[in-house]
Amino acid sequence: MIKRYGNRKLYDTEASVYITLDGIGDLVRRGTDLQVVDNDTGEDLTAVTFAQIIFEEEKRKSGLLSVPVLRWIIHQGGEALHEVMERVDRGREVLDSARESVEKGVQQLVGRGRPGGKGLLGEILEAPQKQLDQLQKRVDAQVRESVDRLTAHPAIQHEIARLERSVKRLEHQLASFKRKPARPRRGKPAS
């Protein structure tokens, strides 16, 4: 458990040390299941903290999340994204459960001395990862499709066209401004 204090410091209660957002991100990437709570109120701040970690990574890596996807998330108010994420979570749970059950079965085969059990374990464990990759591709496609539907809306297309015209007009004005020679200032004697 990670406690967040009023001074915004984060404290890892298991390791008995203060921890940074980067440190929490490392724990999550290593598969540690953790919870962040407000020390005073006990309020669960896990989602907010994870969002801060994503924000910090986006600032450093720029491009982690595309602008259209972020726009779509904001536009949908998080509801559609929440639904997609629930589906991904359910899929992950099913795959994890299948992986554990297959691993137990293969370990039993290996324990009994069945030839090829170890190779079989590797093959079987690869299958859920392939399924997870396919699931991720489907989720990505759904997000792209939703973003495409959003940007295909006539009002948005009209606004994009208007903005493109404004940018072109500004580019022409800037180009003509650069071509004009500088005029000497009046009223000040030349030195």
N, C-alpha and C. Protein backbone atom coordinates (compact mmCIF):
# COMPACT_ATOMS: atom_id res chain seq x y z
N MET A 1 0.86 -1.17 0.00
CA MET A 1 0.00 0.00 0.00
C MET A 1 0.90 1.24 0.00
N ILE A 2 0.48 2.22 -0.76
CA ILE A 2 1.18 3.50 -0.82
C ILE A 2 0.27 4.53 -0.15
N LYS A 3 0.84 5.30 0.77
CA LYS A 3 0.06 6.36 1.42
C LYS A 3 0.51 7.70 0.85
N ARG A 4 -0.48 8.55 0.58
CA ARG A 4 -0.17 9.90 0.12
C ARG A 4 -0.49 10.86 1.26
N TYR A 5 0.51 11.64 1.63
CA TYR A 5 0.36 12.58 2.73
C TYR A 5 -0.09 13.94 2.22
N GLY A 6 -0.50 14.79 3.14
CA GLY A 6 -0.99 16.13 2.81
C GLY A 6 0.04 16.96 2.06
N ASN A 7 1.32 16.70 2.29
CA ASN A 7 2.37 17.44 1.58
C ASN A 7 2.68 16.81 0.21
N ARG A 8 1.82 15.88 -0.22
CA ARG A 8 1.88 15.21 -1.52
C ARG A 8 2.98 14.17 -1.62
N LYS A 9 3.68 13.90 -0.52
CA LYS A 9 4.70 12.85 -0.53
C LYS A 9 4.00 11.49 -0.51
N LEU A 10 4.65 10.53 -1.16
CA LEU A 10 4.12 9.18 -1.25
C LEU A 10 5.01 8.25 -0.43
N TYR A 11 4.39 7.37 0.35
CA TYR A 11 5.14 6.50 1.24
C TYR A 11 4.75 5.05 1.00
N ASP A 12 5.74 4.21 0.67
CA ASP A 12 5.52 2.78 0.45
C ASP A 12 5.55 2.10 1.81
N THR A 13 4.40 1.63 2.28
CA THR A 13 4.32 1.05 3.62
C THR A 13 5.01 -0.31 3.72
N GLU A 14 5.12 -1.04 2.61
CA GLU A 14 5.79 -2.34 2.65
C GLU A 14 7.29 -2.18 2.76
N ALA A 15 7.86 -1.27 1.97
CA ALA A 15 9.31 -1.06 1.98
C ALA A 15 9.73 -0.04 3.04
N SER A 16 8.77 0.65 3.63
CA SER A 16 9.03 1.69 4.65
C SER A 16 9.96 2.78 4.13
N VAL A 17 9.65 3.25 2.91
CA VAL A 17 10.44 4.34 2.30
C VAL A 17 9.50 5.25 1.52
N TYR A 18 9.95 6.50 1.36
CA TYR A 18 9.21 7.40 0.47
C TYR A 18 9.47 6.95 -0.96
N ILE A 19 8.49 7.17 -1.83
CA ILE A 19 8.59 6.71 -3.21
C ILE A 19 8.08 7.80 -4.14
N THR A 20 8.62 7.84 -5.35
CA THR A 20 8.22 8.82 -6.34
C THR A 20 7.18 8.22 -7.27
N LEU A 21 6.60 9.07 -8.12
CA LEU A 21 5.68 8.56 -9.14
C LEU A 21 6.40 7.58 -10.06
N ASP A 22 7.65 7.90 -10.41
CA ASP A 22 8.44 6.98 -11.26
C ASP A 22 8.61 5.63 -10.57
N GLY A 23 8.85 5.67 -9.26
CA GLY A 23 9.00 4.43 -8.51
C GLY A 23 7.73 3.60 -8.52
N ILE A 24 6.59 4.27 -8.37
CA ILE A 24 5.31 3.56 -8.43
C ILE A 24 5.12 2.98 -9.83
N GLY A 25 5.46 3.76 -10.86
CA GLY A 25 5.36 3.26 -12.24
C GLY A 25 6.20 2.02 -12.43
N ASP A 26 7.41 2.01 -11.88
CA ASP A 26 8.28 0.82 -11.99
C ASP A 26 7.64 -0.38 -11.31
N LEU A 27 7.06 -0.17 -10.13
CA LEU A 27 6.39 -1.27 -9.42
C LEU A 27 5.25 -1.85 -10.26
N VAL A 28 4.46 -0.97 -10.85
CA VAL A 28 3.32 -1.42 -11.66
C VAL A 28 3.82 -2.19 -12.89
N ARG A 29 4.88 -1.67 -13.54
CA ARG A 29 5.43 -2.36 -14.71
C ARG A 29 5.97 -3.74 -14.35
N ARG A 30 6.44 -3.91 -13.12
CA ARG A 30 6.94 -5.22 -12.67
C ARG A 30 5.82 -6.14 -12.24
N GLY A 31 4.58 -5.65 -12.31
CA GLY A 31 3.44 -6.50 -11.98
C GLY A 31 2.96 -6.40 -10.55
N THR A 32 3.48 -5.46 -9.79
CA THR A 32 3.06 -5.29 -8.40
C THR A 32 1.65 -4.72 -8.36
N ASP A 33 0.78 -5.38 -7.61
CA ASP A 33 -0.59 -4.90 -7.45
C ASP A 33 -0.58 -3.99 -6.23
N LEU A 34 -0.87 -2.72 -6.43
CA LEU A 34 -0.79 -1.79 -5.31
C LEU A 34 -1.98 -0.86 -5.29
N GLN A 35 -2.13 -0.20 -4.15
CA GLN A 35 -3.20 0.77 -3.97
C GLN A 35 -2.60 2.02 -3.34
N VAL A 36 -3.06 3.18 -3.79
CA VAL A 36 -2.62 4.45 -3.23
C VAL A 36 -3.81 5.06 -2.49
N VAL A 37 -3.60 5.38 -1.21
CA VAL A 37 -4.68 5.95 -0.41
C VAL A 37 -4.22 7.25 0.25
N ASP A 38 -5.18 8.14 0.47
CA ASP A 38 -4.92 9.37 1.20
C ASP A 38 -4.74 9.01 2.67
N ASN A 39 -3.63 9.44 3.25
CA ASN A 39 -3.32 9.08 4.63
C ASN A 39 -4.36 9.60 5.62
N ASP A 40 -4.91 10.79 5.36
CA ASP A 40 -5.87 11.39 6.29
C ASP A 40 -7.27 10.83 6.15
N THR A 41 -7.75 10.68 4.91
CA THR A 41 -9.15 10.30 4.68
C THR A 41 -9.34 8.83 4.34
N GLY A 42 -8.27 8.17 3.89
CA GLY A 42 -8.40 6.78 3.45
C GLY A 42 -8.96 6.66 2.04
N GLU A 43 -9.18 7.80 1.38
CA GLU A 43 -9.73 7.80 0.02
C GLU A 43 -8.77 7.10 -0.94
N ASP A 44 -9.31 6.28 -1.83
CA ASP A 44 -8.50 5.56 -2.82
C ASP A 44 -8.07 6.54 -3.91
N LEU A 45 -6.78 6.75 -4.03
CA LEU A 45 -6.21 7.67 -5.02
C LEU A 45 -5.44 6.93 -6.10
N THR A 46 -5.67 5.63 -6.23
CA THR A 46 -4.91 4.82 -7.17
C THR A 46 -5.09 5.32 -8.61
N ALA A 47 -6.33 5.50 -9.04
CA ALA A 47 -6.58 5.92 -10.43
C ALA A 47 -5.97 7.29 -10.71
N VAL A 48 -6.11 8.21 -9.77
CA VAL A 48 -5.56 9.56 -9.95
C VAL A 48 -4.04 9.49 -10.04
N THR A 49 -3.43 8.66 -9.19
CA THR A 49 -1.98 8.53 -9.19
C THR A 49 -1.50 7.91 -10.50
N PHE A 50 -2.19 6.87 -10.97
CA PHE A 50 -1.82 6.25 -12.24
C PHE A 50 -1.96 7.26 -13.38
N ALA A 51 -3.00 8.09 -13.34
CA ALA A 51 -3.18 9.12 -14.37
C ALA A 51 -2.02 10.11 -14.33
N GLN A 52 -1.54 10.45 -13.12
CA GLN A 52 -0.39 11.34 -13.00
C GLN A 52 0.86 10.70 -13.59
N ILE A 53 1.02 9.41 -13.37
CA ILE A 53 2.18 8.70 -13.93
C ILE A 53 2.12 8.73 -15.45
N ILE A 54 0.94 8.47 -16.02
CA ILE A 54 0.78 8.53 -17.47
C ILE A 54 1.07 9.93 -17.98
N PHE A 55 0.59 10.96 -17.27
CA PHE A 55 0.83 12.35 -17.64
C PHE A 55 2.33 12.65 -17.67
N GLU A 56 3.04 12.22 -16.62
CA GLU A 56 4.49 12.47 -16.56
C GLU A 56 5.22 11.75 -17.69
N GLU A 57 4.81 10.51 -17.99
CA GLU A 57 5.44 9.78 -19.09
C GLU A 57 5.14 10.44 -20.42
N GLU A 58 3.93 10.95 -20.59
CA GLU A 58 3.56 11.65 -21.82
C GLU A 58 4.42 12.90 -21.98
N LYS A 59 4.68 13.62 -20.89
CA LYS A 59 5.52 14.82 -20.96
C LYS A 59 6.93 14.45 -21.41
N ARG A 60 7.45 13.34 -20.91
CA ARG A 60 8.82 12.94 -21.24
C ARG A 60 8.92 12.30 -22.62
N LYS A 61 7.98 11.45 -22.96
CA LYS A 61 8.07 10.66 -24.19
C LYS A 61 7.26 11.25 -25.33
N SER A 62 6.42 12.19 -25.07
CA SER A 62 5.58 12.86 -26.06
C SER A 62 5.18 11.93 -27.20
N GLY A 63 3.94 11.56 -27.21
CA GLY A 63 3.44 10.68 -28.26
C GLY A 63 2.98 9.34 -27.72
N LEU A 64 3.11 9.16 -26.42
CA LEU A 64 2.63 7.93 -25.80
C LEU A 64 1.14 7.75 -26.12
N LEU A 65 0.38 8.83 -26.02
CA LEU A 65 -1.03 8.83 -26.38
C LEU A 65 -1.23 9.87 -27.47
N SER A 66 -1.92 9.48 -28.52
CA SER A 66 -2.12 10.42 -29.62
C SER A 66 -3.18 11.46 -29.25
N VAL A 67 -3.08 12.62 -29.86
CA VAL A 67 -4.04 13.70 -29.60
C VAL A 67 -5.46 13.27 -29.94
N PRO A 68 -5.70 12.59 -31.07
CA PRO A 68 -7.08 12.17 -31.35
C PRO A 68 -7.65 11.23 -30.27
N VAL A 69 -6.82 10.34 -29.74
CA VAL A 69 -7.31 9.43 -28.70
C VAL A 69 -7.63 10.22 -27.43
N LEU A 70 -6.75 11.15 -27.06
CA LEU A 70 -7.02 11.97 -25.87
C LEU A 70 -8.27 12.82 -26.06
N ARG A 71 -8.44 13.38 -27.26
CA ARG A 71 -9.63 14.18 -27.56
C ARG A 71 -10.88 13.31 -27.44
N TRP A 72 -10.80 12.09 -27.97
CA TRP A 72 -11.93 11.16 -27.91
C TRP A 72 -12.28 10.84 -26.46
N ILE A 73 -11.26 10.61 -25.63
CA ILE A 73 -11.50 10.30 -24.22
C ILE A 73 -12.21 11.46 -23.55
N ILE A 74 -11.74 12.68 -23.79
CA ILE A 74 -12.36 13.86 -23.18
C ILE A 74 -13.79 14.02 -23.69
N HIS A 75 -13.98 13.87 -25.00
CA HIS A 75 -15.30 14.05 -25.59
C HIS A 75 -16.30 13.03 -25.03
N GLN A 76 -15.87 11.81 -24.89
CA GLN A 76 -16.76 10.76 -24.41
C GLN A 76 -16.98 10.83 -22.91
N GLY A 77 -16.25 11.67 -22.24
CA GLY A 77 -16.41 11.80 -20.79
C GLY A 77 -15.94 10.57 -20.04
N GLY A 78 -15.14 9.77 -20.67
CA GLY A 78 -14.59 8.61 -20.00
C GLY A 78 -15.49 7.40 -20.02
N GLU A 79 -16.76 7.56 -20.37
CA GLU A 79 -17.69 6.43 -20.34
C GLU A 79 -17.32 5.35 -21.36
N ALA A 80 -17.09 5.76 -22.60
CA ALA A 80 -16.75 4.78 -23.63
C ALA A 80 -15.40 4.14 -23.33
N LEU A 81 -14.46 4.94 -22.87
CA LEU A 81 -13.14 4.41 -22.52
C LEU A 81 -13.27 3.42 -21.37
N HIS A 82 -14.09 3.75 -20.40
CA HIS A 82 -14.31 2.86 -19.26
C HIS A 82 -14.85 1.51 -19.74
N GLU A 83 -15.78 1.56 -20.68
CA GLU A 83 -16.36 0.33 -21.22
C GLU A 83 -15.29 -0.50 -21.93
N VAL A 84 -14.47 0.15 -22.75
CA VAL A 84 -13.40 -0.55 -23.46
C VAL A 84 -12.43 -1.17 -22.46
N MET A 85 -12.08 -0.41 -21.43
CA MET A 85 -11.12 -0.91 -20.46
C MET A 85 -11.69 -2.08 -19.66
N GLU A 86 -12.99 -2.06 -19.38
CA GLU A 86 -13.61 -3.19 -18.68
C GLU A 86 -13.50 -4.45 -19.53
N ARG A 87 -13.73 -4.30 -20.84
CA ARG A 87 -13.60 -5.45 -21.74
C ARG A 87 -12.18 -5.98 -21.76
N VAL A 88 -11.22 -5.07 -21.81
CA VAL A 88 -9.81 -5.49 -21.81
C VAL A 88 -9.49 -6.20 -20.50
N ASP A 89 -9.96 -5.66 -19.38
CA ASP A 89 -9.70 -6.29 -18.08
C ASP A 89 -10.29 -7.70 -18.02
N ARG A 90 -11.53 -7.84 -18.50
CA ARG A 90 -12.16 -9.17 -18.49
C ARG A 90 -11.36 -10.13 -19.36
N GLY A 91 -10.93 -9.66 -20.52
CA GLY A 91 -10.13 -10.51 -21.40
C GLY A 91 -8.81 -10.91 -20.76
N ARG A 92 -8.18 -9.98 -20.09
CA ARG A 92 -6.91 -10.27 -19.40
C ARG A 92 -7.13 -11.31 -18.30
N GLU A 93 -8.22 -11.15 -17.55
CA GLU A 93 -8.50 -12.09 -16.46
C GLU A 93 -8.70 -13.50 -17.02
N VAL A 94 -9.43 -13.61 -18.11
CA VAL A 94 -9.66 -14.92 -18.73
C VAL A 94 -8.34 -15.51 -19.19
N LEU A 95 -7.51 -14.69 -19.85
CA LEU A 95 -6.23 -15.19 -20.34
C LEU A 95 -5.31 -15.59 -19.19
N ASP A 96 -5.28 -14.80 -18.13
CA ASP A 96 -4.43 -15.14 -16.98
C ASP A 96 -4.88 -16.44 -16.34
N SER A 97 -6.19 -16.60 -16.21
CA SER A 97 -6.74 -17.81 -15.62
C SER A 97 -6.39 -19.02 -16.49
N ALA A 98 -6.56 -18.87 -17.81
CA ALA A 98 -6.24 -19.97 -18.73
C ALA A 98 -4.75 -20.30 -18.65
N ARG A 99 -3.92 -19.28 -18.59
CA ARG A 99 -2.47 -19.50 -18.51
C ARG A 99 -2.12 -20.29 -17.25
N GLU A 100 -2.70 -19.91 -16.12
CA GLU A 100 -2.41 -20.59 -14.86
C GLU A 100 -2.85 -22.05 -14.91
N SER A 101 -4.03 -22.29 -15.44
CA SER A 101 -4.55 -23.66 -15.48
C SER A 101 -3.72 -24.53 -16.42
N VAL A 102 -3.33 -23.98 -17.56
CA VAL A 102 -2.50 -24.74 -18.51
C VAL A 102 -1.13 -25.00 -17.89
N GLU A 103 -0.58 -24.00 -17.23
CA GLU A 103 0.73 -24.16 -16.61
C GLU A 103 0.70 -25.28 -15.57
N LYS A 104 -0.36 -25.33 -14.76
CA LYS A 104 -0.49 -26.39 -13.75
C LYS A 104 -0.55 -27.76 -14.43
N GLY A 105 -1.35 -27.85 -15.50
CA GLY A 105 -1.47 -29.12 -16.21
C GLY A 105 -0.15 -29.59 -16.79
N VAL A 106 0.57 -28.68 -17.39
CA VAL A 106 1.85 -29.04 -18.00
C VAL A 106 2.87 -29.39 -16.91
N GLN A 107 2.84 -28.66 -15.81
CA GLN A 107 3.77 -28.98 -14.71
C GLN A 107 3.50 -30.40 -14.20
N GLN A 108 2.22 -30.78 -14.16
CA GLN A 108 1.89 -32.14 -13.74
C GLN A 108 2.44 -33.15 -14.73
N LEU A 109 2.32 -32.83 -16.04
CA LEU A 109 2.87 -33.72 -17.06
C LEU A 109 4.39 -33.85 -16.89
N VAL A 110 5.04 -32.72 -16.68
CA VAL A 110 6.50 -32.73 -16.52
C VAL A 110 6.86 -33.50 -15.26
N GLY A 111 6.10 -33.30 -14.20
CA GLY A 111 6.35 -33.99 -12.94
C GLY A 111 6.21 -35.50 -13.07
N ARG A 112 5.35 -35.95 -13.93
CA ARG A 112 5.15 -37.38 -14.14
C ARG A 112 6.18 -37.95 -15.12
N GLY A 113 6.99 -37.08 -15.66
CA GLY A 113 8.03 -37.56 -16.56
C GLY A 113 7.60 -37.69 -18.00
N ARG A 114 6.52 -37.09 -18.37
CA ARG A 114 6.09 -37.17 -19.76
C ARG A 114 7.12 -36.47 -20.64
N PRO A 115 7.58 -37.13 -21.69
CA PRO A 115 8.58 -36.49 -22.56
C PRO A 115 7.98 -35.29 -23.29
N GLY A 116 8.81 -34.29 -23.45
CA GLY A 116 8.38 -33.11 -24.20
C GLY A 116 7.51 -32.15 -23.40
N GLY A 117 7.32 -32.41 -22.14
CA GLY A 117 6.46 -31.55 -21.32
C GLY A 117 6.96 -30.13 -21.22
N LYS A 118 8.28 -29.98 -21.09
CA LYS A 118 8.83 -28.63 -20.97
C LYS A 118 8.63 -27.84 -22.26
N GLY A 119 8.85 -28.47 -23.40
CA GLY A 119 8.62 -27.78 -24.68
C GLY A 119 7.16 -27.44 -24.86
N LEU A 120 6.32 -28.36 -24.42
CA LEU A 120 4.88 -28.14 -24.50
C LEU A 120 4.47 -26.94 -23.65
N LEU A 121 5.09 -26.81 -22.48
CA LEU A 121 4.80 -25.68 -21.61
C LEU A 121 5.06 -24.37 -22.33
N GLY A 122 6.21 -24.28 -22.98
CA GLY A 122 6.54 -23.05 -23.72
C GLY A 122 5.52 -22.74 -24.80
N GLU A 123 5.14 -23.76 -25.56
CA GLU A 123 4.17 -23.55 -26.64
C GLU A 123 2.81 -23.11 -26.09
N ILE A 124 2.39 -23.75 -25.03
CA ILE A 124 1.08 -23.43 -24.47
C ILE A 124 1.06 -22.03 -23.87
N LEU A 125 2.16 -21.65 -23.23
CA LEU A 125 2.21 -20.32 -22.62
C LEU A 125 2.26 -19.21 -23.66
N GLU A 126 2.73 -19.51 -24.86
CA GLU A 126 2.75 -18.50 -25.92
C GLU A 126 1.35 -18.21 -26.45
N ALA A 127 0.48 -19.19 -26.43
CA ALA A 127 -0.86 -19.02 -27.00
C ALA A 127 -1.65 -17.90 -26.32
N PRO A 128 -1.71 -17.83 -24.98
CA PRO A 128 -2.45 -16.71 -24.37
C PRO A 128 -1.86 -15.35 -24.72
N GLN A 129 -0.53 -15.28 -24.84
CA GLN A 129 0.09 -14.00 -25.19
C GLN A 129 -0.35 -13.58 -26.59
N LYS A 130 -0.42 -14.54 -27.50
CA LYS A 130 -0.89 -14.21 -28.86
C LYS A 130 -2.34 -13.73 -28.81
N GLN A 131 -3.16 -14.39 -27.98
CA GLN A 131 -4.55 -13.96 -27.84
C GLN A 131 -4.63 -12.57 -27.24
N LEU A 132 -3.78 -12.29 -26.27
CA LEU A 132 -3.75 -10.97 -25.65
C LEU A 132 -3.34 -9.92 -26.68
N ASP A 133 -2.35 -10.24 -27.50
CA ASP A 133 -1.92 -9.31 -28.55
C ASP A 133 -3.07 -9.05 -29.54
N GLN A 134 -3.79 -10.11 -29.91
CA GLN A 134 -4.93 -9.93 -30.82
C GLN A 134 -6.02 -9.08 -30.16
N LEU A 135 -6.26 -9.32 -28.88
CA LEU A 135 -7.25 -8.52 -28.15
C LEU A 135 -6.84 -7.06 -28.14
N GLN A 136 -5.55 -6.80 -27.89
CA GLN A 136 -5.05 -5.42 -27.87
C GLN A 136 -5.24 -4.77 -29.24
N LYS A 137 -4.99 -5.52 -30.31
CA LYS A 137 -5.19 -4.98 -31.67
C LYS A 137 -6.65 -4.63 -31.90
N ARG A 138 -7.56 -5.49 -31.41
CA ARG A 138 -8.99 -5.21 -31.58
C ARG A 138 -9.39 -3.97 -30.80
N VAL A 139 -8.87 -3.83 -29.58
CA VAL A 139 -9.19 -2.64 -28.78
C VAL A 139 -8.67 -1.40 -29.47
N ASP A 140 -7.43 -1.47 -29.97
CA ASP A 140 -6.86 -0.32 -30.69
C ASP A 140 -7.72 0.03 -31.91
N ALA A 141 -8.18 -0.99 -32.62
CA ALA A 141 -9.02 -0.75 -33.79
C ALA A 141 -10.34 -0.11 -33.39
N GLN A 142 -10.93 -0.56 -32.28
CA GLN A 142 -12.18 0.04 -31.81
C GLN A 142 -11.98 1.50 -31.43
N VAL A 143 -10.87 1.79 -30.77
CA VAL A 143 -10.59 3.18 -30.39
C VAL A 143 -10.41 4.03 -31.65
N ARG A 144 -9.62 3.52 -32.62
CA ARG A 144 -9.42 4.26 -33.87
C ARG A 144 -10.74 4.48 -34.60
N GLU A 145 -11.58 3.45 -34.63
CA GLU A 145 -12.87 3.55 -35.30
C GLU A 145 -13.75 4.61 -34.62
N SER A 146 -13.73 4.63 -33.30
CA SER A 146 -14.52 5.63 -32.57
C SER A 146 -14.00 7.03 -32.84
N VAL A 147 -12.68 7.17 -32.86
CA VAL A 147 -12.09 8.48 -33.16
C VAL A 147 -12.44 8.89 -34.58
N ASP A 148 -12.37 7.94 -35.52
CA ASP A 148 -12.72 8.25 -36.91
C ASP A 148 -14.18 8.68 -37.02
N ARG A 149 -15.07 7.98 -36.30
CA ARG A 149 -16.49 8.36 -36.33
C ARG A 149 -16.67 9.76 -35.77
N LEU A 150 -15.92 10.05 -34.72
CA LEU A 150 -16.02 11.36 -34.09
C LEU A 150 -15.56 12.44 -35.06
N THR A 151 -14.43 12.22 -35.73
CA THR A 151 -13.90 13.24 -36.63
C THR A 151 -14.67 13.29 -37.95
N ALA A 152 -15.48 12.27 -38.22
CA ALA A 152 -16.27 12.27 -39.46
C ALA A 152 -17.54 13.11 -39.31
N HIS A 153 -17.84 13.55 -38.14
CA HIS A 153 -19.03 14.36 -37.89
C HIS A 153 -18.95 15.64 -38.73
N PRO A 154 -20.03 16.02 -39.45
CA PRO A 154 -19.99 17.19 -40.33
C PRO A 154 -19.56 18.48 -39.63
N ALA A 155 -19.99 18.68 -38.40
CA ALA A 155 -19.62 19.92 -37.70
C ALA A 155 -18.12 19.97 -37.46
N ILE A 156 -17.53 18.83 -37.14
CA ILE A 156 -16.09 18.78 -36.91
C ILE A 156 -15.35 18.97 -38.23
N GLN A 157 -15.83 18.34 -39.30
CA GLN A 157 -15.20 18.52 -40.61
C GLN A 157 -15.26 19.98 -41.03
N HIS A 158 -16.39 20.62 -40.79
CA HIS A 158 -16.54 22.04 -41.12
C HIS A 158 -15.54 22.88 -40.34
N GLU A 159 -15.40 22.59 -39.05
CA GLU A 159 -14.47 23.34 -38.20
C GLU A 159 -13.03 23.11 -38.65
N ILE A 160 -12.68 21.89 -39.01
CA ILE A 160 -11.33 21.60 -39.50
C ILE A 160 -11.06 22.37 -40.79
N ALA A 161 -12.03 22.38 -41.70
CA ALA A 161 -11.87 23.12 -42.96
C ALA A 161 -11.70 24.61 -42.68
N ARG A 162 -12.48 25.15 -41.74
CA ARG A 162 -12.37 26.56 -41.39
C ARG A 162 -10.98 26.86 -40.82
N LEU A 163 -10.50 26.00 -39.95
CA LEU A 163 -9.17 26.20 -39.37
C LEU A 163 -8.08 26.11 -40.43
N GLU A 164 -8.22 25.19 -41.38
CA GLU A 164 -7.24 25.08 -42.46
C GLU A 164 -7.21 26.36 -43.29
N ARG A 165 -8.40 26.93 -43.57
CA ARG A 165 -8.44 28.19 -44.33
C ARG A 165 -7.77 29.31 -43.54
N SER A 166 -8.02 29.35 -42.24
CA SER A 166 -7.41 30.39 -41.41
C SER A 166 -5.90 30.26 -41.39
N VAL A 167 -5.40 29.05 -41.30
CA VAL A 167 -3.95 28.83 -41.29
C VAL A 167 -3.35 29.27 -42.62
N LYS A 168 -3.99 28.92 -43.73
CA LYS A 168 -3.47 29.34 -45.04
C LYS A 168 -3.45 30.86 -45.16
N ARG A 169 -4.52 31.50 -44.69
CA ARG A 169 -4.59 32.95 -44.75
C ARG A 169 -3.45 33.57 -43.92
N LEU A 170 -3.21 33.03 -42.75
CA LEU A 170 -2.13 33.53 -41.90
C LEU A 170 -0.76 33.28 -42.53
N GLU A 171 -0.60 32.14 -43.18
CA GLU A 171 0.67 31.85 -43.86
C GLU A 171 0.92 32.86 -44.98
N HIS A 172 -0.13 33.19 -45.75
CA HIS A 172 0.01 34.17 -46.83
C HIS A 172 0.36 35.55 -46.26
N GLN A 173 -0.31 35.93 -45.18
CA GLN A 173 -0.02 37.23 -44.56
C GLN A 173 1.41 37.28 -44.05
N LEU A 174 1.86 36.20 -43.45
CA LEU A 174 3.23 36.15 -42.94
C LEU A 174 4.23 36.21 -44.08
N ALA A 175 3.95 35.49 -45.16
CA ALA A 175 4.85 35.50 -46.32
C ALA A 175 4.93 36.90 -46.93
N SER A 176 3.80 37.59 -47.05
CA SER A 176 3.83 38.93 -47.64
C SER A 176 4.51 39.91 -46.68
N PHE A 177 4.39 39.69 -45.40
CA PHE A 177 5.05 40.55 -44.42
C PHE A 177 6.57 40.39 -44.52
N LYS A 178 7.02 39.17 -44.72
CA LYS A 178 8.46 38.92 -44.84
C LYS A 178 9.04 39.53 -46.12
N ARG A 179 8.23 39.63 -47.19
CA ARG A 179 8.71 40.16 -48.47
C ARG A 179 8.83 41.67 -48.45
N LYS A 180 8.07 42.36 -47.62
CA LYS A 180 8.10 43.82 -47.59
C LYS A 180 9.40 44.29 -46.95
N PRO A 181 10.07 45.28 -47.59
CA PRO A 181 11.30 45.80 -46.98
C PRO A 181 10.95 46.61 -45.73
N ALA A 182 11.87 46.64 -44.81
CA ALA A 182 11.65 47.39 -43.57
C ALA A 182 11.66 48.87 -43.87
N ARG A 183 10.67 49.59 -43.34
CA ARG A 183 10.59 51.04 -43.54
C ARG A 183 11.38 51.74 -42.44
N PRO A 184 12.08 52.83 -42.82
CA PRO A 184 12.80 53.57 -41.77
C PRO A 184 11.78 54.24 -40.85
N ARG A 185 12.12 54.34 -39.61
CA ARG A 185 11.22 54.96 -38.64
C ARG A 185 11.29 56.47 -38.78
N ARG A 186 10.13 57.11 -38.70
CA ARG A 186 10.07 58.57 -38.80
C ARG A 186 10.15 59.20 -37.43
N GLY A 187 10.64 60.41 -37.42
CA GLY A 187 10.64 61.18 -36.19
C GLY A 187 11.91 61.00 -35.37
N LYS A 188 12.71 60.04 -35.68
CA LYS A 188 13.95 59.85 -34.93
C LYS A 188 15.11 60.16 -35.86
N PRO A 189 16.03 60.98 -35.42
CA PRO A 189 17.18 61.29 -36.27
C PRO A 189 18.06 60.06 -36.42
N ALA A 190 18.61 59.92 -37.61
CA ALA A 190 19.52 58.81 -37.88
C ALA A 190 20.82 59.06 -37.15
N SER A 191 21.40 58.08 -36.56
CA SER A 191 22.64 58.27 -35.83
C SER A 191 23.83 57.77 -36.58
